[in-house]
PDB file of N, CA and C in Angstrom:
ATOM      1  N   MET A   1      94.027-126.862 -93.449  1.00  0.00           N
ATOM      2  CA  MET A   1      95.242-126.094 -93.402  1.00  0.00           C
ATOM      3  C   MET A   1      95.228-125.294 -92.105  1.00  0.00           C
ATOM      4  N   TYR A   2      96.304-125.375 -91.350  1.00  0.00           N
ATOM      5  CA  TYR A   2      96.447-124.618 -90.114  1.00  0.00           C
ATOM      6  C   TYR A   2      97.666-123.710 -90.217  1.00  0.00           C
ATOM      7  N   LEU A   3      97.589-122.572 -89.567  1.00  0.00           N
ATOM      8  CA  LEU A   3      98.706-121.636 -89.581  1.00  0.00           C
ATOM      9  C   LEU A   3      99.842-122.148 -88.697  1.00  0.00           C
ATOM     10  N   ASP A   4     101.082-121.988 -89.197  1.00  0.00           N
ATOM     11  CA  ASP A   4     102.272-122.289 -88.399  1.00  0.00           C
ATOM     12  C   ASP A   4     102.624-121.102 -87.514  1.00  0.00           C
ATOM     13  N   ILE A   5     102.415-119.910 -88.047  1.00  0.00           N
ATOM     14  CA  ILE A   5     102.679-118.666 -87.311  1.00  0.00           C
ATOM     15  C   ILE A   5     101.392-117.849 -87.331  1.00  0.00           C
ATOM     16  N   ILE A   6     100.988-117.365 -86.161  1.00  0.00           N
ATOM     17  CA  ILE A   6      99.724-116.639 -86.008  1.00  0.00           C
ATOM     18  C   ILE A   6     100.023-115.194 -85.620  1.00  0.00           C
ATOM     19  N   ASP A   7      99.161-114.287 -86.045  1.00  0.00           N
ATOM     20  CA  ASP A   7      99.287-112.861 -85.711  1.00  0.00           C
ATOM     21  C   ASP A   7     100.649-112.305 -86.096  1.00  0.00           C
ATOM     22  N   ASP A   8     101.035-112.567 -87.333  1.00  0.00           N
ATOM     23  CA  ASP A   8     102.331-112.099 -87.840  1.00  0.00           C
ATOM     24  C   ASP A   8     102.216-110.627 -88.225  1.00  0.00           C
ATOM     25  N   ILE A   9     102.850-109.761 -87.441  1.00  0.00           N
ATOM     26  CA  ILE A   9     102.741-108.315 -87.650  1.00  0.00           C
ATOM     27  C   ILE A   9     103.379-107.892 -88.971  1.00  0.00           C
ATOM     28  N   ASN A  10     104.438-108.576 -89.404  1.00  0.00           N
ATOM     29  CA  ASN A  10     105.085-108.222 -90.677  1.00  0.00           C
ATOM     30  C   ASN A  10     104.185-108.533 -91.867  1.00  0.00           C
ATOM     31  N   ILE A  11     103.511-109.666 -91.826  1.00  0.00           N
ATOM     32  CA  ILE A  11     102.567-110.011 -92.907  1.00  0.00           C
ATOM     33  C   ILE A  11     101.405-109.024 -92.882  1.00  0.00           C
ATOM     34  N   GLU A  12     100.910-108.719 -91.692  1.00  0.00           N
ATOM     35  CA  GLU A  12      99.795-107.769 -91.593  1.00  0.00           C
ATOM     36  C   GLU A  12     100.178-106.404 -92.166  1.00  0.00           C
ATOM     37  N   LYS A  13     101.361-105.917 -91.829  1.00  0.00           N
ATOM     38  CA  LYS A  13     101.809-104.620 -92.351  1.00  0.00           C
ATOM     39  C   LYS A  13     101.930-104.644 -93.872  1.00  0.00           C
ATOM     40  N   SER A  14     102.442-105.743 -94.410  1.00  0.00           N
ATOM     41  CA  SER A  14     102.660-105.845 -95.855  1.00  0.00           C
ATOM     42  C   SER A  14     101.361-105.959 -96.645  1.00  0.00           C
ATOM     43  N   PHE A  15     100.326-106.557 -96.047  1.00  0.00           N
ATOM     44  CA  PHE A  15      99.116-106.878 -96.799  1.00  0.00           C
ATOM     45  C   PHE A  15      97.841-106.254 -96.226  1.00  0.00           C
ATOM     46  N   LYS A  16      97.950-105.356 -95.241  1.00  0.00           N
ATOM     47  CA  LYS A  16      96.760-104.867 -94.531  1.00  0.00           C
ATOM     48  C   LYS A  16      95.740-104.169 -95.424  1.00  0.00           C
ATOM     49  N   ASP A  17      96.179-103.591 -96.537  1.00  0.00           N
ATOM     50  CA  ASP A  17      95.238-102.908 -97.428  1.00  0.00           C
ATOM     51  C   ASP A  17      94.695-103.819 -98.533  1.00  0.00           C
ATOM     52  N   GLN A  18      95.191-105.042 -98.593  1.00  0.00           N
ATOM     53  CA  GLN A  18      94.752-105.982 -99.633  1.00  0.00           C
ATOM     54  C   GLN A  18      93.446-106.641 -99.205  1.00  0.00           C
ATOM     55  N   THR A  19      92.483-106.678-100.111  1.00  0.00           N
ATOM     56  CA  THR A  19      91.175-107.283 -99.806  1.00  0.00           C
ATOM     57  C   THR A  19      90.875-108.462-100.725  1.00  0.00           C
ATOM     58  N   PHE A  20      91.885-108.951-101.408  1.00  0.00           N
ATOM     59  CA  PHE A  20      91.704-110.099-102.297  1.00  0.00           C
ATOM     60  C   PHE A  20      92.871-111.063-102.098  1.00  0.00           C
ATOM     61  N   GLY A  21      92.645-112.297-102.498  1.00  0.00           N
ATOM     62  CA  GLY A  21      93.675-113.321-102.401  1.00  0.00           C
ATOM     63  C   GLY A  21      93.291-114.485-103.285  1.00  0.00           C
ATOM     64  N   TRP A  22      93.890-115.647-103.016  1.00  0.00           N
ATOM     65  CA  TRP A  22      93.664-116.810-103.860  1.00  0.00           C
ATOM     66  C   TRP A  22      93.388-118.019-102.987  1.00  0.00           C
ATOM     67  N   LYS A  23      92.447-118.817-103.449  1.00  0.00           N
ATOM     68  CA  LYS A  23      92.021-120.014-102.735  1.00  0.00           C
ATOM     69  C   LYS A  23      92.177-121.210-103.666  1.00  0.00           C
ATOM     70  N   VAL A  24      92.741-122.292-103.153  1.00  0.00           N
ATOM     71  CA  VAL A  24      92.817-123.536-103.912  1.00  0.00           C
ATOM     72  C   VAL A  24      91.516-124.283-103.649  1.00  0.00           C
ATOM     73  N   LEU A  25      90.808-124.605-104.724  1.00  0.00           N
ATOM     74  CA  LEU A  25      89.486-125.234-104.617  1.00  0.00           C
ATOM     75  C   LEU A  25      89.418-126.506-105.438  1.00  0.00           C
ATOM     76  N   HIS A  26      88.474-127.353-105.087  1.00  0.00           N
ATOM     77  CA  HIS A  26      88.194-128.566-105.863  1.00  0.00           C
ATOM     78  C   HIS A  26      87.075-128.235-106.848  1.00  0.00           C
ATOM     79  N   LYS A  27      87.318-128.539-108.106  1.00  0.00           N
ATOM     80  CA  LYS A  27      86.327-128.261-109.148  1.00  0.00           C
ATOM     81  C   LYS A  27      85.638-129.567-109.533  1.00  0.00           C
ATOM     82  N   SER A  28      84.319-129.594-109.382  1.00  0.00           N
ATOM     83  CA  SER A  28      83.534-130.763-109.780  1.00  0.00           C
ATOM     84  C   SER A  28      82.503-130.330-110.812  1.00  0.00           C
ATOM     85  N   ASN A  29      81.729-131.276-111.300  1.00  0.00           N
ATOM     86  CA  ASN A  29      80.660-130.944-112.250  1.00  0.00           C
ATOM     87  C   ASN A  29      79.607-130.040-111.611  1.00  0.00           C
ATOM     88  N   ASP A  30      79.492-130.103-110.279  1.00  0.00           N
ATOM     89  CA  ASP A  30      78.488-129.307-109.568  1.00  0.00           C
ATOM     90  C   ASP A  30      78.963-127.903-109.214  1.00  0.00           C
ATOM     91  N   GLY A  31      80.278-127.682-109.215  1.00  0.00           N
ATOM     92  CA  GLY A  31      80.813-126.374-108.859  1.00  0.00           C
ATOM     93  C   GLY A  31      82.105-126.494-108.075  1.00  0.00           C
ATOM     94  N   LEU A  32      82.394-125.496-107.261  1.00  0.00           N
ATOM     95  CA  LEU A  32      83.629-125.436-106.491  1.00  0.00           C
ATOM     96  C   LEU A  32      83.368-125.758-105.028  1.00  0.00           C
ATOM     97  N   THR A  33      84.341-126.444-104.415  1.00  0.00           N
ATOM     98  CA  THR A  33      84.258-126.766-102.991  1.00  0.00           C
ATOM     99  C   THR A  33      85.671-126.835-102.420  1.00  0.00           C
ATOM    100  N   SER A  34      85.792-127.237-101.181  1.00  0.00           N
ATOM    101  CA  SER A  34      87.091-127.282-100.504  1.00  0.00           C
ATOM    102  C   SER A  34      88.039-128.260-101.188  1.00  0.00           C
ATOM    103  N   ALA A  35      89.293-127.842-101.356  1.00  0.00           N
ATOM    104  CA  ALA A  35      90.329-128.727-101.881  1.00  0.00           C
ATOM    105  C   ALA A  35      90.959-129.523-100.750  1.00  0.00           C
ATOM    106  N   HIS A  36      90.682-129.128 -99.530  1.00  0.00           N
ATOM    107  CA  HIS A  36      91.362-129.705 -98.375  1.00  0.00           C
ATOM    108  C   HIS A  36      90.456-130.610 -97.541  1.00  0.00           C
ATOM    109  N   PHE A  37      89.229-130.176 -97.312  1.00  0.00           N
ATOM    110  CA  PHE A  37      88.303-130.924 -96.471  1.00  0.00           C
ATOM    111  C   PHE A  37      87.266-131.644 -97.329  1.00  0.00           C
ATOM    112  N   ILE A  38      86.799-132.766 -96.828  1.00  0.00           N
ATOM    113  CA  ILE A  38      85.741-133.489 -97.532  1.00  0.00           C
ATOM    114  C   ILE A  38      84.416-133.237 -96.815  1.00  0.00           C
ATOM    115  N   TYR A  39      83.341-133.569 -97.486  1.00  0.00           N
ATOM    116  CA  TYR A  39      81.988-133.428 -96.940  1.00  0.00           C
ATOM    117  C   TYR A  39      81.628-131.992 -96.595  1.00  0.00           C
ATOM    118  N   VAL A  40      82.018-131.076 -97.451  1.00  0.00           N
ATOM    119  CA  VAL A  40      81.559-129.699 -97.323  1.00  0.00           C
ATOM    120  C   VAL A  40      80.752-129.367 -98.572  1.00  0.00           C
ATOM    121  N   PRO A  41      79.773-128.479 -98.454  1.00  0.00           N
ATOM    122  CA  PRO A  41      78.903-128.192 -99.601  1.00  0.00           C
ATOM    123  C   PRO A  41      79.618-127.429-100.718  1.00  0.00           C
ATOM    124  N   ILE A  42      78.960-127.388-101.862  1.00  0.00           N
ATOM    125  CA  ILE A  42      79.431-126.591-102.996  1.00  0.00           C
ATOM    126  C   ILE A  42      79.371-125.118-102.596  1.00  0.00           C
ATOM    127  N   TYR A  43      80.391-124.363-102.971  1.00  0.00           N
ATOM    128  CA  TYR A  43      80.437-122.942-102.645  1.00  0.00           C
ATOM    129  C   TYR A  43      79.733-122.134-103.728  1.00  0.00           C
ATOM    130  N   PRO A  44      78.708-121.368-103.379  1.00  0.00           N
ATOM    131  CA  PRO A  44      78.073-120.478-104.357  1.00  0.00           C
ATOM    132  C   PRO A  44      79.069-119.391-104.794  1.00  0.00           C
ATOM    133  N   THR A  45      78.951-118.938-106.010  1.00  0.00           N
ATOM    134  CA  THR A  45      79.799-117.849-106.495  1.00  0.00           C
ATOM    135  C   THR A  45      78.995-116.552-106.531  1.00  0.00           C
ATOM    136  N   ASN A  46      79.713-115.447-106.568  1.00  0.00           N
ATOM    137  CA  ASN A  46      79.103-114.110-106.598  1.00  0.00           C
ATOM    138  C   ASN A  46      78.189-113.845-105.407  1.00  0.00           C
ATOM    139  N   LYS A  47      78.586-114.401-104.268  1.00  0.00           N
ATOM    140  CA  LYS A  47      77.812-114.231-103.034  1.00  0.00           C
ATOM    141  C   LYS A  47      78.805-114.302-101.873  1.00  0.00           C
ATOM    142  N   TRP A  48      78.632-113.440-100.869  1.00  0.00           N
ATOM    143  CA  TRP A  48      79.504-113.500 -99.701  1.00  0.00           C
ATOM    144  C   TRP A  48      79.234-114.789 -98.931  1.00  0.00           C
ATOM    145  N   LEU A  49      80.307-115.514 -98.623  1.00  0.00           N
ATOM    146  CA  LEU A  49      80.200-116.792 -97.912  1.00  0.00           C
ATOM    147  C   LEU A  49      80.764-116.643 -96.501  1.00  0.00           C
ATOM    148  N   ASP A  50      79.908-116.852 -95.512  1.00  0.00           N
ATOM    149  CA  ASP A  50      80.343-116.837 -94.118  1.00  0.00           C
ATOM    150  C   ASP A  50      80.944-118.202 -93.818  1.00  0.00           C
ATOM    151  N   GLU A  51      82.155-118.213 -93.267  1.00  0.00           N
ATOM    152  CA  GLU A  51      82.840-119.478 -93.024  1.00  0.00           C
ATOM    153  C   GLU A  51      82.027-120.417 -92.137  1.00  0.00           C
ATOM    154  N   LYS A  52      81.219-119.873 -91.272  1.00  0.00           N
ATOM    155  CA  LYS A  52      80.437-120.690 -90.345  1.00  0.00           C
ATOM    156  C   LYS A  52      79.449-121.605 -91.085  1.00  0.00           C
ATOM    157  N   ASP A  53      78.994-121.175 -92.253  1.00  0.00           N
ATOM    158  CA  ASP A  53      78.039-121.960 -93.034  1.00  0.00           C
ATOM    159  C   ASP A  53      78.705-123.075 -93.833  1.00  0.00           C
ATOM    160  N   PHE A  54      80.046-123.088 -93.856  1.00  0.00           N
ATOM    161  CA  PHE A  54      80.763-124.052 -94.695  1.00  0.00           C
ATOM    162  C   PHE A  54      81.875-124.758 -93.923  1.00  0.00           C
ATOM    163  N   ARG A  55      81.758-124.833 -92.628  1.00  0.00           N
ATOM    164  CA  ARG A  55      82.806-125.436 -91.807  1.00  0.00           C
ATOM    165  C   ARG A  55      82.935-126.930 -92.052  1.00  0.00           C
ATOM    166  N   SER A  56      84.173-127.382 -91.983  1.00  0.00           N
ATOM    167  CA  SER A  56      84.424-128.819 -92.011  1.00  0.00           C
ATOM    168  C   SER A  56      84.203-129.363 -90.603  1.00  0.00           C
ATOM    169  N   THR A  57      84.363-130.635 -90.430  1.00  0.00           N
ATOM    170  CA  THR A  57      84.124-131.245 -89.120  1.00  0.00           C
ATOM    171  C   THR A  57      85.094-130.751 -88.059  1.00  0.00           C
ATOM    172  N   CYS A  58      86.252-130.206 -88.455  1.00  0.00           N
ATOM    173  CA  CYS A  58      87.242-129.774 -87.456  1.00  0.00           C
ATOM    174  C   CYS A  58      86.784-128.542 -86.686  1.00  0.00           C
ATOM    175  N   CYS A  59      85.829-127.802 -87.178  1.00  0.00           N
ATOM    176  CA  CYS A  59      85.410-126.561 -86.499  1.00  0.00           C
ATOM    177  C   CYS A  59      83.913-126.494 -86.229  1.00  0.00           C
ATOM    178  N   GLN A  60      83.193-127.571 -86.413  1.00  0.00           N
ATOM    179  CA  GLN A  60      81.741-127.487 -86.290  1.00  0.00           C
ATOM    180  C   GLN A  60      81.250-127.200 -84.880  1.00  0.00           C
ATOM    181  N   ASP A  61      81.986-127.633 -83.877  1.00  0.00           N
ATOM    182  CA  ASP A  61      81.514-127.483 -82.507  1.00  0.00           C
ATOM    183  C   ASP A  61      82.149-126.318 -81.759  1.00  0.00           C
ATOM    184  N   SER A  62      83.006-125.555 -82.437  1.00  0.00           N
ATOM    185  CA  SER A  62      83.720-124.479 -81.771  1.00  0.00           C
ATOM    186  C   SER A  62      84.020-123.373 -82.759  1.00  0.00           C
ATOM    187  N   ASP A  63      84.210-122.173 -82.249  1.00  0.00           N
ATOM    188  CA  ASP A  63      84.616-121.073 -83.113  1.00  0.00           C
ATOM    189  C   ASP A  63      86.127-121.037 -83.301  1.00  0.00           C
ATOM    190  N   TYR A  64      86.834-121.971 -82.651  1.00  0.00           N
ATOM    191  CA  TYR A  64      88.295-122.003 -82.744  1.00  0.00           C
ATOM    192  C   TYR A  64      88.754-123.278 -83.452  1.00  0.00           C
ATOM    193  N   VAL A  65      89.907-123.183 -84.122  1.00  0.00           N
ATOM    194  CA  VAL A  65      90.485-124.368 -84.753  1.00  0.00           C
ATOM    195  C   VAL A  65      90.861-125.360 -83.664  1.00  0.00           C
ATOM    196  N   GLU A  66      91.156-126.598 -84.059  1.00  0.00           N
ATOM    197  CA  GLU A  66      91.432-127.662 -83.083  1.00  0.00           C
ATOM    198  C   GLU A  66      92.523-127.293 -82.086  1.00  0.00           C
ATOM    199  N   SER A  67      93.526-126.550 -82.523  1.00  0.00           N
ATOM    200  CA  SER A  67      94.618-126.165 -81.620  1.00  0.00           C
ATOM    201  C   SER A  67      94.194-125.068 -80.646  1.00  0.00           C
ATOM    202  N   ASN A  68      92.995-124.498 -80.854  1.00  0.00           N
ATOM    203  CA  ASN A  68      92.409-123.480 -79.980  1.00  0.00           C
ATOM    204  C   ASN A  68      93.247-122.199 -79.919  1.00  0.00           C
ATOM    205  N   THR A  69      94.006-121.929 -80.980  1.00  0.00           N
ATOM    206  CA  THR A  69      94.897-120.776 -80.970  1.00  0.00           C
ATOM    207  C   THR A  69      94.360-119.590 -81.755  1.00  0.00           C
ATOM    208  N   TYR A  70      93.444-119.814 -82.673  1.00  0.00           N
ATOM    209  CA  TYR A  70      92.823-118.714 -83.410  1.00  0.00           C
ATOM    210  C   TYR A  70      91.465-119.163 -83.914  1.00  0.00           C
ATOM    211  N   LYS A  71      90.630-118.190 -84.230  1.00  0.00           N
ATOM    212  CA  LYS A  71      89.265-118.497 -84.659  1.00  0.00           C
ATOM    213  C   LYS A  71      89.239-119.108 -86.055  1.00  0.00           C
ATOM    214  N   CYS A  72      88.235-119.933 -86.295  1.00  0.00           N
ATOM    215  CA  CYS A  72      88.032-120.554 -87.600  1.00  0.00           C
ATOM    216  C   CYS A  72      87.752-119.493 -88.655  1.00  0.00           C
ATOM    217  N   GLY A  73      88.108-119.793 -89.882  1.00  0.00           N
ATOM    218  CA  GLY A  73      87.835-118.878 -90.975  1.00  0.00           C
ATOM    219  C   GLY A  73      88.409-119.410 -92.275  1.00  0.00           C
ATOM    220  N   TRP A  74      88.166-118.674 -93.337  1.00  0.00           N
ATOM    221  CA  TRP A  74      88.699-119.016 -94.651  1.00  0.00           C
ATOM    222  C   TRP A  74      90.201-118.734 -94.650  1.00  0.00           C
ATOM    223  N   HIS A  75      91.016-119.708 -95.005  1.00  0.00           N
ATOM    224  CA  HIS A  75      92.460-119.522 -95.148  1.00  0.00           C
ATOM    225  C   HIS A  75      92.721-119.164 -96.608  1.00  0.00           C
ATOM    226  N   ILE A  76      93.251-117.971 -96.822  1.00  0.00           N
ATOM    227  CA  ILE A  76      93.382-117.424 -98.169  1.00  0.00           C
ATOM    228  C   ILE A  76      94.835-117.014 -98.408  1.00  0.00           C
ATOM    229  N   PHE A  77      95.395-117.468 -99.522  1.00  0.00           N
ATOM    230  CA  PHE A  77      96.748-117.082 -99.896  1.00  0.00           C
ATOM    231  C   PHE A  77      96.752-115.615-100.312  1.00  0.00           C
ATOM    232  N   LEU A  78      97.780-114.891 -99.896  1.00  0.00           N
ATOM    233  CA  LEU A  78      97.892-113.479-100.247  1.00  0.00           C
ATOM    234  C   LEU A  78      98.714-113.258-101.515  1.00  0.00           C
ATOM    235  N   ILE A  79      99.428-114.284-101.953  1.00  0.00           N
ATOM    236  CA  ILE A  79     100.240-114.211-103.174  1.00  0.00           C
ATOM    237  C   ILE A  79      99.814-115.352-104.096  1.00  0.00           C
ATOM    238  N   GLU A  80      99.466-115.009-105.326  1.00  0.00           N
ATOM    239  CA  GLU A  80      98.940-116.007-106.263  1.00  0.00           C
ATOM    240  C   GLU A  80      99.922-117.152-106.496  1.00  0.00           C
ATOM    241  N   GLU A  81     101.193-116.848-106.692  1.00  0.00           N
ATOM    242  CA  GLU A  81     102.206-117.897-106.923  1.00  0.00           C
ATOM    243  C   GLU A  81     102.216-118.923-105.797  1.00  0.00           C
ATOM    244  N   ASP A  82     102.036-118.465-104.571  1.00  0.00           N
ATOM    245  CA  ASP A  82     102.043-119.368-103.423  1.00  0.00           C
ATOM    246  C   ASP A  82     100.877-120.352-103.481  1.00  0.00           C
ATOM    247  N   ALA A  83      99.722-119.882-103.909  1.00  0.00           N
ATOM    248  CA  ALA A  83      98.562-120.768-104.047  1.00  0.00           C
ATOM    249  C   ALA A  83      98.849-121.855-105.073  1.00  0.00           C
ATOM    250  N   HIS A  84      99.493-121.484-106.175  1.00  0.00           N
ATOM    251  CA  HIS A  84      99.838-122.473-107.207  1.00  0.00           C
ATOM    252  C   HIS A  84     100.879-123.467-106.686  1.00  0.00           C
ATOM    253  N   LYS A  85     101.861-122.975-105.936  1.00  0.00           N
ATOM    254  CA  LYS A  85     102.879-123.869-105.358  1.00  0.00           C
ATOM    255  C   LYS A  85     102.237-124.856-104.393  1.00  0.00           C
ATOM    256  N   TRP A  86     101.369-124.345-103.501  1.00  0.00           N
ATOM    257  CA  TRP A  86     100.705-125.215-102.528  1.00  0.00           C
ATOM    258  C   TRP A  86      99.848-126.252-103.246  1.00  0.00           C
ATOM    259  N   ARG A  87      99.148-125.832-104.275  1.00  0.00           N
ATOM    260  CA  ARG A  87      98.315-126.744-105.063  1.00  0.00           C
ATOM    261  C   ARG A  87      99.155-127.893-105.609  1.00  0.00           C
ATOM    262  N   MET A  88     100.302-127.568-106.176  1.00  0.00           N
ATOM    263  CA  MET A  88     101.164-128.609-106.755  1.00  0.00           C
ATOM    264  C   MET A  88     101.749-129.516-105.670  1.00  0.00           C
ATOM    265  N   GLU A  89     102.173-128.924-104.545  1.00  0.00           N
ATOM    266  CA  GLU A  89     102.796-129.701-103.475  1.00  0.00           C
ATOM    267  C   GLU A  89     101.795-130.577-102.724  1.00  0.00           C
ATOM    268  N   LYS A  90     100.608-130.053-102.481  1.00  0.00           N
ATOM    269  CA  LYS A  90      99.637-130.753-101.642  1.00  0.00           C
ATOM    270  C   LYS A  90      98.550-131.499-102.419  1.00  0.00           C
ATOM    271  N   CYS A  91      98.268-131.050-103.643  1.00  0.00           N
ATOM    272  CA  CYS A  91      97.155-131.636-104.396  1.00  0.00           C
ATOM    273  C   CYS A  91      97.607-132.335-105.666  1.00  0.00           C
ATOM    274  N   GLY A  92      98.800-132.048-106.151  1.00  0.00           N
ATOM    275  CA  GLY A  92      99.256-132.626-107.408  1.00  0.00           C
ATOM    276  C   GLY A  92      98.782-131.813-108.594  1.00  0.00           C
ATOM    277  N   ALA A  93      99.095-132.306-109.760  1.00  0.00           N
ATOM    278  CA  ALA A  93      98.849-131.548-110.990  1.00  0.00           C
ATOM    279  C   ALA A  93      97.475-131.810-111.597  1.00  0.00           C
ATOM    280  N   GLY A  94      96.613-132.534-110.921  1.00  0.00           N
ATOM    281  CA  GLY A  94      95.297-132.858-111.474  1.00  0.00           C
ATOM    282  C   GLY A  94      94.473-131.626-111.805  1.00  0.00           C
ATOM    283  N   LYS A  95      93.624-131.770-112.789  1.00  0.00           N
ATOM    284  CA  LYS A  95      92.806-130.651-113.254  1.00  0.00           C
ATOM    285  C   LYS A  95      91.643-130.326-112.317  1.00  0.00           C
ATOM    286  N   LYS A  96      91.382-131.176-111.343  1.00  0.00           N
ATOM    287  CA  LYS A  96      90.232-130.934-110.461  1.00  0.00           C
ATOM    288  C   LYS A  96      90.529-129.929-109.356  1.00  0.00           C
ATOM    289  N   LYS A  97      91.790-129.594-109.146  1.00  0.00           N
ATOM    290  CA  LYS A  97      92.149-128.573-108.165  1.00  0.00           C
ATOM    291  C   LYS A  97      92.522-127.306-108.917  1.00  0.00           C
ATOM    292  N   VAL A  98      91.875-126.200-108.551  1.00  0.00           N
ATOM    293  CA  VAL A  98      92.076-124.935-109.263  1.00  0.00           C
ATOM    294  C   VAL A  98      92.386-123.826-108.263  1.00  0.00           C
ATOM    295  N   VAL A  99      93.070-122.799-108.753  1.00  0.00           N
ATOM    296  CA  VAL A  99      93.342-121.619-107.951  1.00  0.00           C
ATOM    297  C   VAL A  99      92.378-120.536-108.412  1.00  0.00           C
ATOM    298  N   SER A 100      91.566-120.036-107.478  1.00  0.00           N
ATOM    299  CA  SER A 100      90.571-119.014-107.796  1.00  0.00           C
ATOM    300  C   SER A 100      90.850-117.748-106.997  1.00  0.00           C
ATOM    301  N   MET A 101      90.707-116.621-107.657  1.00  0.00           N
ATOM    302  CA  MET A 101      90.824-115.349-106.955  1.00  0.00           C
ATOM    303  C   MET A 101      89.553-115.137-106.132  1.00  0.00           C
ATOM    304  N   VAL A 102      89.733-114.668-104.898  1.00  0.00           N
ATOM    305  CA  VAL A 102      88.599-114.397-104.017  1.00  0.00           C
ATOM    306  C   VAL A 102      88.787-113.012-103.387  1.00  0.00           C
ATOM    307  N   VAL A 103      87.689-112.451-102.934  1.00  0.00           N
ATOM    308  CA  VAL A 103      87.700-111.209-102.169  1.00  0.00           C
ATOM    309  C   VAL A 103      87.346-111.605-100.744  1.00  0.00           C
ATOM    310  N   PHE A 104      87.957-110.952 -99.759  1.00  0.00           N
ATOM    311  CA  PHE A 104      87.668-111.308 -98.375  1.00  0.00           C
ATOM    312  C   PHE A 104      87.366-110.064 -97.550  1.00  0.00           C
ATOM    313  N   ARG A 105      86.677-110.302 -96.411  1.00  0.00           N
ATOM    314  CA  ARG A 105      86.424-109.233 -95.443  1.00  0.00           C
ATOM    315  C   ARG A 105      86.330-109.852 -94.052  1.00  0.00           C
ATOM    316  N   ASP A 106      86.335-108.999 -93.039  1.00  0.00           N
ATOM    317  CA  ASP A 106      86.315-109.436 -91.636  1.00  0.00           C
ATOM    318  C   ASP A 106      87.518-110.325 -91.322  1.00  0.00           C
ATOM    319  N   VAL A 107      88.690-109.729 -91.396  1.00  0.00           N
ATOM    320  CA  VAL A 107      89.938-110.452 -91.135  1.00  0.00           C
ATOM    321  C   VAL A 107      89.999-110.908 -89.677  1.00  0.00           C
ATOM    322  N   ILE A 108      90.378-112.160 -89.482  1.00  0.00           N
ATOM    323  CA  ILE A 108      90.569-112.727 -88.145  1.00  0.00           C
ATOM    324  C   ILE A 108      92.030-112.582 -87.730  1.00  0.00           C
ATOM    325  N   THR A 109      92.937-113.011 -88.600  1.00  0.00           N
ATOM    326  CA  THR A 109      94.367-112.924 -88.313  1.00  0.00           C
ATOM    327  C   THR A 109      95.168-113.068 -89.599  1.00  0.00           C
ATOM    328  N   TYR A 110      96.409-112.644 -89.528  1.00  0.00           N
ATOM    329  CA  TYR A 110      97.387-112.864 -90.594  1.00  0.00           C
ATOM    330  C   TYR A 110      98.432-113.827 -90.042  1.00  0.00           C
ATOM    331  N   GLY A 111      98.933-114.688 -90.892  1.00  0.00           N
ATOM    332  CA  GLY A 111      99.961-115.619 -90.447  1.00  0.00           C
ATOM    333  C   GLY A 111     100.616-116.290 -91.633  1.00  0.00           C
ATOM    334  N   SER A 112     101.284-117.402 -91.357  1.00  0.00           N
ATOM    335  CA  SER A 112     101.897-118.136 -92.466  1.00  0.00           C
ATOM    336  C   SER A 112     101.685-119.630 -92.281  1.00  0.00           C
ATOM    337  N   GLN A 113     101.613-120.297 -93.395  1.00  0.00           N
ATOM    338  CA  GLN A 113     101.486-121.751 -93.457  1.00  0.00           C
ATOM    339  C   GLN A 113     102.528-122.237 -94.441  1.00  0.00           C
ATOM    340  N   LEU A 114     103.461-123.035 -93.964  1.00  0.00           N
ATOM    341  CA  LEU A 114     104.564-123.523 -94.804  1.00  0.00           C
ATOM    342  C   LEU A 114     105.298-122.360 -95.465  1.00  0.00           C
ATOM    343  N   ASN A 115     105.462-121.272 -94.731  1.00  0.00           N
ATOM    344  CA  ASN A 115     106.141-120.049 -95.181  1.00  0.00           C
ATOM    345  C   ASN A 115     105.362-119.239 -96.218  1.00  0.00           C
ATOM    346  N   PHE A 116     104.115-119.560 -96.466  1.00  0.00           N
ATOM    347  CA  PHE A 116     103.275-118.788 -97.372  1.00  0.00           C
ATOM    348  C   PHE A 116     102.441-117.804 -96.552  1.00  0.00           C
ATOM    349  N   PRO A 117     102.435-116.504 -96.897  1.00  0.00           N
ATOM    350  CA  PRO A 117     101.588-115.548 -96.185  1.00  0.00           C
ATOM    351  C   PRO A 117     100.103-115.854 -96.404  1.00  0.00           C
ATOM    352  N   ILE A 118      99.371-115.896 -95.321  1.00  0.00           N
ATOM    353  CA  ILE A 118      97.947-116.291 -95.331  1.00  0.00           C
ATOM    354  C   ILE A 118      97.149-115.263 -94.540  1.00  0.00           C
ATOM    355  N   VAL A 119      95.936-114.988 -94.990  1.00  0.00           N
ATOM    356  CA  VAL A 119      94.976-114.254 -94.183  1.00  0.00           C
ATOM    357  C   VAL A 119      93.852-115.234 -93.832  1.00  0.00           C
ATOM    358  N   VAL A 120      93.364-115.141 -92.618  1.00  0.00           N
ATOM    359  CA  VAL A 120      92.189-115.911 -92.213  1.00  0.00           C
ATOM    360  C   VAL A 120      91.069-114.897 -92.068  1.00  0.00           C
ATOM    361  N   ALA A 121      89.968-115.129 -92.800  1.00  0.00           N
ATOM    362  CA  ALA A 121      88.862-114.171 -92.824  1.00  0.00           C
ATOM    363  C   ALA A 121      87.535-114.875 -92.576  1.00  0.00           C
ATOM    364  N   LYS A 122      86.576-114.135 -92.038  1.00  0.00           N
ATOM    365  CA  LYS A 122      85.246-114.695 -91.767  1.00  0.00           C
ATOM    366  C   LYS A 122      84.425-114.875 -93.047  1.00  0.00           C
ATOM    367  N   GLU A 123      84.631-113.983 -94.023  1.00  0.00           N
ATOM    368  CA  GLU A 123      83.821-114.047 -95.239  1.00  0.00           C
ATOM    369  C   GLU A 123      84.684-113.948 -96.478  1.00  0.00           C
ATOM    370  N   MET A 124      84.229-114.622 -97.544  1.00  0.00           N
ATOM    371  CA  MET A 124      84.891-114.496 -98.831  1.00  0.00           C
ATOM    372  C   MET A 124      83.851-114.528 -99.949  1.00  0.00           C
ATOM    373  N   LEU A 125      84.261-113.999-101.082  1.00  0.00           N
ATOM    374  CA  LEU A 125      83.435-113.955-102.281  1.00  0.00           C
ATOM    375  C   LEU A 125      84.255-114.566-103.412  1.00  0.00           C
ATOM    376  N   ILE A 126      83.719-115.607-104.035  1.00  0.00           N
ATOM    377  CA  ILE A 126      84.412-116.260-105.159  1.00  0.00           C
ATOM    378  C   ILE A 126      83.901-115.660-106.444  1.00  0.00           C
TER     379      ILE A 126
END
């Protein structure tokens, strides 16, 4: 998932005090992992996760996303309904994709993806 709009001051003003959001994840017998990228490890729960330790192939060689416009990080929905909408639109109704509440810190940028407010953060806790 890449941001369509980066450094959105209106989103930042609206959500700057929020430290939690929602992530769409793939649920397997082993645990939770990325719903979007393949070949990434299972995400531990109840532990702060640095995005650098769980990067997909698109960011392994650089600290910036492929478009080189902002730094890599966890893309987190700021509104729960939006995470559910994205899940249905992009992943379908299957039971293997779930919306999980996460806590985040070390914000990189605020922006939007498909008109959904998103925060990109260096660390998250599931």
